[in-house]
Amino acid sequence: MAKKGNRVQVILECTEQKESGMPGMSRYITTKNKKNTPDRMERKKYNPILKRVTIHREIK
């Protein structure tokens, strides 16, 4: 039987765009090790709609 890995796929969504109420949404798909980072992940990523780097937070 194969061992199940700790690495899971997560979706990062822009927080600034969500608060501003602009149409559309900037999202990125990445992976994380849920054993090392059990909390929600935050990364600075480029938002093409706002044309700048913003904070993207993990969503469920």
PDB file of N, CA and C in Angstrom:
ATOM      1  N   MET A   1       0.841  -1.186   0.000  1.00  0.00           N
ATOM      2  CA  MET A   1       0.000   0.000   0.000  1.00  0.00           C
ATOM      3  C   MET A   1       0.884   1.248   0.000  1.00  0.00           C
ATOM      4  N   ALA A   2       0.569   2.195  -0.853  1.00  0.00           N
ATOM      5  CA  ALA A   2       1.383   3.400  -0.988  1.00  0.00           C
ATOM      6  C   ALA A   2       1.105   4.371   0.163  1.00  0.00           C
ATOM      7  N   LYS A   3       2.156   5.023   0.623  1.00  0.00           N
ATOM      8  CA  LYS A   3       2.028   6.013   1.685  1.00  0.00           C
ATOM      9  C   LYS A   3       1.439   7.298   1.120  1.00  0.00           C
ATOM     10  N   LYS A   4       0.485   7.873   1.831  1.00  0.00           N
ATOM     11  CA  LYS A   4      -0.126   9.121   1.384  1.00  0.00           C
ATOM     12  C   LYS A   4       0.789  10.279   1.782  1.00  0.00           C
ATOM     13  N   GLY A   5       1.053  11.186   0.838  1.00  0.00           N
ATOM     14  CA  GLY A   5       1.967  12.294   1.087  1.00  0.00           C
ATOM     15  C   GLY A   5       1.336  13.418   1.895  1.00  0.00           C
ATOM     16  N   ASN A   6       2.211  14.291   2.431  1.00  0.00           N
ATOM     17  CA  ASN A   6       1.753  15.444   3.203  1.00  0.00           C
ATOM     18  C   ASN A   6       1.527  16.667   2.328  1.00  0.00           C
ATOM     19  N   ARG A   7       1.919  16.577   1.048  1.00  0.00           N
ATOM     20  CA  ARG A   7       1.835  17.729   0.152  1.00  0.00           C
ATOM     21  C   ARG A   7       0.435  17.806  -0.470  1.00  0.00           C
ATOM     22  N   VAL A   8      -0.198  18.977  -0.322  1.00  0.00           N
ATOM     23  CA  VAL A   8      -1.540  19.183  -0.861  1.00  0.00           C
ATOM     24  C   VAL A   8      -1.563  20.414  -1.758  1.00  0.00           C
ATOM     25  N   GLN A   9      -2.514  20.449  -2.679  1.00  0.00           N
ATOM     26  CA  GLN A   9      -2.674  21.582  -3.581  1.00  0.00           C
ATOM     27  C   GLN A   9      -3.574  22.615  -2.916  1.00  0.00           C
ATOM     28  N   VAL A  10      -3.167  23.901  -2.962  1.00  0.00           N
ATOM     29  CA  VAL A  10      -3.962  24.976  -2.369  1.00  0.00           C
ATOM     30  C   VAL A  10      -4.161  26.098  -3.385  1.00  0.00           C
ATOM     31  N   ILE A  11      -5.211  26.885  -3.185  1.00  0.00           N
ATOM     32  CA  ILE A  11      -5.507  28.028  -4.052  1.00  0.00           C
ATOM     33  C   ILE A  11      -5.254  29.298  -3.257  1.00  0.00           C
ATOM     34  N   LEU A  12      -4.472  30.214  -3.845  1.00  0.00           N
ATOM     35  CA  LEU A  12      -4.199  31.508  -3.226  1.00  0.00           C
ATOM     36  C   LEU A  12      -5.036  32.562  -3.946  1.00  0.00           C
ATOM     37  N   GLU A  13      -5.752  33.393  -3.167  1.00  0.00           N
ATOM     38  CA  GLU A  13      -6.636  34.405  -3.733  1.00  0.00           C
ATOM     39  C   GLU A  13      -6.232  35.781  -3.207  1.00  0.00           C
ATOM     40  N   CYS A  14      -6.298  36.790  -4.075  1.00  0.00           N
ATOM     41  CA  CYS A  14      -5.904  38.151  -3.723  1.00  0.00           C
ATOM     42  C   CYS A  14      -6.846  38.728  -2.669  1.00  0.00           C
ATOM     43  N   THR A  15      -6.278  39.305  -1.595  1.00  0.00           N
ATOM     44  CA  THR A  15      -7.101  39.894  -0.531  1.00  0.00           C
ATOM     45  C   THR A  15      -7.483  41.331  -0.851  1.00  0.00           C
ATOM     46  N   GLU A  16      -6.573  42.098  -1.451  1.00  0.00           N
ATOM     47  CA  GLU A  16      -6.841  43.509  -1.737  1.00  0.00           C
ATOM     48  C   GLU A  16      -7.949  43.682  -2.778  1.00  0.00           C
ATOM     49  N   GLN A  17      -7.953  42.858  -3.785  1.00  0.00           N
ATOM     50  CA  GLN A  17      -8.963  42.952  -4.834  1.00  0.00           C
ATOM     51  C   GLN A  17     -10.333  42.555  -4.294  1.00  0.00           C
ATOM     52  N   LYS A  18     -10.350  41.567  -3.391  1.00  0.00           N
ATOM     53  CA  LYS A  18     -11.599  41.114  -2.794  1.00  0.00           C
ATOM     54  C   LYS A  18     -12.229  42.245  -1.973  1.00  0.00           C
ATOM     55  N   GLU A  19     -11.398  42.984  -1.221  1.00  0.00           N
ATOM     56  CA  GLU A  19     -11.879  44.086  -0.387  1.00  0.00           C
ATOM     57  C   GLU A  19     -12.349  45.277  -1.221  1.00  0.00           C
ATOM     58  N   SER A  20     -11.689  45.514  -2.371  1.00  0.00           N
ATOM     59  CA  SER A  20     -12.018  46.680  -3.191  1.00  0.00           C
ATOM     60  C   SER A  20     -13.341  46.502  -3.949  1.00  0.00           C
ATOM     61  N   GLY A  21     -13.767  45.255  -4.156  1.00  0.00           N
ATOM     62  CA  GLY A  21     -15.027  44.993  -4.847  1.00  0.00           C
ATOM     63  C   GLY A  21     -14.912  45.052  -6.361  1.00  0.00           C
ATOM     64  N   MET A  22     -13.685  45.059  -6.896  1.00  0.00           N
ATOM     65  CA  MET A  22     -13.496  45.070  -8.351  1.00  0.00           C
ATOM     66  C   MET A  22     -13.919  43.730  -8.942  1.00  0.00           C
ATOM     67  N   PRO A  23     -14.426  43.728 -10.170  1.00  0.00           N
ATOM     68  CA  PRO A  23     -14.814  42.455 -10.789  1.00  0.00           C
ATOM     69  C   PRO A  23     -13.592  41.606 -11.114  1.00  0.00           C
ATOM     70  N   GLY A  24     -13.791  40.302 -11.191  1.00  0.00           N
ATOM     71  CA  GLY A  24     -12.696  39.380 -11.479  1.00  0.00           C
ATOM     72  C   GLY A  24     -11.956  39.008 -10.209  1.00  0.00           C
ATOM     73  N   MET A  25     -11.030  38.051 -10.331  1.00  0.00           N
ATOM     74  CA  MET A  25     -10.273  37.633  -9.161  1.00  0.00           C
ATOM     75  C   MET A  25      -8.931  37.064  -9.604  1.00  0.00           C
ATOM     76  N   SER A  26      -7.870  37.449  -8.899  1.00  0.00           N
ATOM     77  CA  SER A  26      -6.536  36.924  -9.162  1.00  0.00           C
ATOM     78  C   SER A  26      -6.309  35.716  -8.263  1.00  0.00           C
ATOM     79  N   ARG A  27      -6.099  34.552  -8.869  1.00  0.00           N
ATOM     80  CA  ARG A  27      -5.880  33.319  -8.101  1.00  0.00           C
ATOM     81  C   ARG A  27      -4.666  32.579  -8.631  1.00  0.00           C
ATOM     82  N   TYR A  28      -3.945  31.930  -7.735  1.00  0.00           N
ATOM     83  CA  TYR A  28      -2.799  31.094  -8.081  1.00  0.00           C
ATOM     84  C   TYR A  28      -2.979  29.732  -7.423  1.00  0.00           C
ATOM     85  N   ILE A  29      -2.526  28.683  -8.093  1.00  0.00           N
ATOM     86  CA  ILE A  29      -2.551  27.336  -7.528  1.00  0.00           C
ATOM     87  C   ILE A  29      -1.119  26.952  -7.206  1.00  0.00           C
ATOM     88  N   THR A  30      -0.894  26.444  -5.988  1.00  0.00           N
ATOM     89  CA  THR A  30       0.428  26.011  -5.564  1.00  0.00           C
ATOM     90  C   THR A  30       0.275  24.811  -4.638  1.00  0.00           C
ATOM     91  N   THR A  31       1.375  24.286  -4.145  1.00  0.00           N
ATOM     92  CA  THR A  31       1.323  23.165  -3.205  1.00  0.00           C
ATOM     93  C   THR A  31       2.000  23.569  -1.911  1.00  0.00           C
ATOM     94  N   LYS A  32       1.607  22.900  -0.827  1.00  0.00           N
ATOM     95  CA  LYS A  32       2.254  23.126   0.465  1.00  0.00           C
ATOM     96  C   LYS A  32       2.307  21.814   1.223  1.00  0.00           C
ATOM     97  N   ASN A  33       3.237  21.735   2.140  1.00  0.00           N
ATOM     98  CA  ASN A  33       3.349  20.579   3.016  1.00  0.00           C
ATOM     99  C   ASN A  33       2.513  20.871   4.257  1.00  0.00           C
ATOM    100  N   LYS A  34       1.387  20.179   4.420  1.00  0.00           N
ATOM    101  CA  LYS A  34       0.480  20.507   5.513  1.00  0.00           C
ATOM    102  C   LYS A  34       1.024  20.091   6.876  1.00  0.00           C
ATOM    103  N   LYS A  35       2.038  19.253   6.893  1.00  0.00           N
ATOM    104  CA  LYS A  35       2.671  18.881   8.161  1.00  0.00           C
ATOM    105  C   LYS A  35       3.542  20.031   8.673  1.00  0.00           C
ATOM    106  N   ASN A  36       4.266  20.710   7.774  1.00  0.00           N
ATOM    107  CA  ASN A  36       5.142  21.818   8.160  1.00  0.00           C
ATOM    108  C   ASN A  36       4.392  23.131   8.308  1.00  0.00           C
ATOM    109  N   THR A  37       3.349  23.353   7.485  1.00  0.00           N
ATOM    110  CA  THR A  37       2.572  24.602   7.530  1.00  0.00           C
ATOM    111  C   THR A  37       1.090  24.281   7.656  1.00  0.00           C
ATOM    112  N   PRO A  38       0.621  23.998   8.887  1.00  0.00           N
ATOM    113  CA  PRO A  38      -0.793  23.653   9.066  1.00  0.00           C
ATOM    114  C   PRO A  38      -1.724  24.857   8.928  1.00  0.00           C
ATOM    115  N   ASP A  39      -1.208  26.078   9.138  1.00  0.00           N
ATOM    116  CA  ASP A  39      -2.034  27.292   9.040  1.00  0.00           C
ATOM    117  C   ASP A  39      -2.219  27.684   7.582  1.00  0.00           C
ATOM    118  N   ARG A  40      -3.099  28.667   7.362  1.00  0.00           N
ATOM    119  CA  ARG A  40      -3.321  29.156   5.999  1.00  0.00           C
ATOM    120  C   ARG A  40      -2.095  29.921   5.520  1.00  0.00           C
ATOM    121  N   MET A  41      -1.770  29.719   4.266  1.00  0.00           N
ATOM    122  CA  MET A  41      -0.569  30.280   3.664  1.00  0.00           C
ATOM    123  C   MET A  41      -0.831  31.669   3.111  1.00  0.00           C
ATOM    124  N   GLU A  42       0.169  32.552   3.194  1.00  0.00           N
ATOM    125  CA  GLU A  42       0.113  33.893   2.599  1.00  0.00           C
ATOM    126  C   GLU A  42       1.368  34.113   1.785  1.00  0.00           C
ATOM    127  N   ARG A  43       1.198  34.615   0.574  1.00  0.00           N
ATOM    128  CA  ARG A  43       2.343  34.900  -0.308  1.00  0.00           C
ATOM    129  C   ARG A  43       2.093  36.211  -1.024  1.00  0.00           C
ATOM    130  N   LYS A  44       3.168  36.931  -1.348  1.00  0.00           N
ATOM    131  CA  LYS A  44       3.066  38.122  -2.184  1.00  0.00           C
ATOM    132  C   LYS A  44       3.191  37.669  -3.634  1.00  0.00           C
ATOM    133  N   LYS A  45       2.159  37.931  -4.415  1.00  0.00           N
ATOM    134  CA  LYS A  45       2.122  37.528  -5.822  1.00  0.00           C
ATOM    135  C   LYS A  45       1.646  38.711  -6.660  1.00  0.00           C
ATOM    136  N   TYR A  46       1.922  38.638  -7.960  1.00  0.00           N
ATOM    137  CA  TYR A  46       1.517  39.700  -8.882  1.00  0.00           C
ATOM    138  C   TYR A  46       0.043  39.568  -9.235  1.00  0.00           C
ATOM    139  N   ASN A  47      -0.686  40.666  -9.139  1.00  0.00           N
ATOM    140  CA  ASN A  47      -2.092  40.710  -9.535  1.00  0.00           C
ATOM    141  C   ASN A  47      -2.174  41.453 -10.867  1.00  0.00           C
ATOM    142  N   PRO A  48      -2.485  40.768 -11.968  1.00  0.00           N
ATOM    143  CA  PRO A  48      -2.521  41.419 -13.281  1.00  0.00           C
ATOM    144  C   PRO A  48      -3.662  42.434 -13.442  1.00  0.00           C
ATOM    145  N   ILE A  49      -4.712  42.321 -12.655  1.00  0.00           N
ATOM    146  CA  ILE A  49      -5.831  43.252 -12.758  1.00  0.00           C
ATOM    147  C   ILE A  49      -5.472  44.584 -12.087  1.00  0.00           C
ATOM    148  N   LEU A  50      -4.851  44.522 -10.893  1.00  0.00           N
ATOM    149  CA  LEU A  50      -4.421  45.737 -10.194  1.00  0.00           C
ATOM    150  C   LEU A  50      -3.051  46.221 -10.676  1.00  0.00           C
ATOM    151  N   LYS A  51      -2.355  45.372 -11.434  1.00  0.00           N
ATOM    152  CA  LYS A  51      -1.029  45.670 -11.999  1.00  0.00           C
ATOM    153  C   LYS A  51       0.012  45.985 -10.926  1.00  0.00           C
ATOM    154  N   ARG A  52      -0.019  45.205  -9.835  1.00  0.00           N
ATOM    155  CA  ARG A  52       0.998  45.343  -8.786  1.00  0.00           C
ATOM    156  C   ARG A  52       1.032  44.077  -7.937  1.00  0.00           C
ATOM    157  N   VAL A  53       2.033  43.988  -7.082  1.00  0.00           N
ATOM    158  CA  VAL A  53       2.187  42.835  -6.197  1.00  0.00           C
ATOM    159  C   VAL A  53       1.301  43.042  -4.977  1.00  0.00           C
ATOM    160  N   THR A  54       0.497  42.029  -4.652  1.00  0.00           N
ATOM    161  CA  THR A  54      -0.408  42.088  -3.514  1.00  0.00           C
ATOM    162  C   THR A  54      -0.296  40.813  -2.698  1.00  0.00           C
ATOM    163  N   ILE A  55      -0.912  40.810  -1.522  1.00  0.00           N
ATOM    164  CA  ILE A  55      -0.915  39.615  -0.666  1.00  0.00           C
ATOM    165  C   ILE A  55      -2.020  38.683  -1.127  1.00  0.00           C
ATOM    166  N   HIS A  56      -1.658  37.422  -1.354  1.00  0.00           N
ATOM    167  CA  HIS A  56      -2.620  36.381  -1.730  1.00  0.00           C
ATOM    168  C   HIS A  56      -2.691  35.394  -0.572  1.00  0.00           C
ATOM    169  N   ARG A  57      -3.918  35.093  -0.112  1.00  0.00           N
ATOM    170  CA  ARG A  57      -4.124  34.211   1.025  1.00  0.00           C
ATOM    171  C   ARG A  57      -4.810  32.930   0.582  1.00  0.00           C
ATOM    172  N   GLU A  58      -4.486  31.851   1.254  1.00  0.00           N
ATOM    173  CA  GLU A  58      -5.066  30.538   0.936  1.00  0.00           C
ATOM    174  C   GLU A  58      -6.559  30.522   1.238  1.00  0.00           C
ATOM    175  N   ILE A  59      -7.335  29.918   0.311  1.00  0.00           N
ATOM    176  CA  ILE A  59      -8.770  29.733   0.533  1.00  0.00           C
ATOM    177  C   ILE A  59      -9.056  28.253   0.562  1.00  0.00           C
ATOM    178  N   LYS A  60     -10.189  27.901   1.140  1.00  0.00           N
ATOM    179  CA  LYS A  60     -10.588  26.484   1.221  1.00  0.00           C
ATOM    180  C   LYS A  60     -11.393  26.111  -0.002  1.00  0.00           C
TER     181      LYS A  60
END
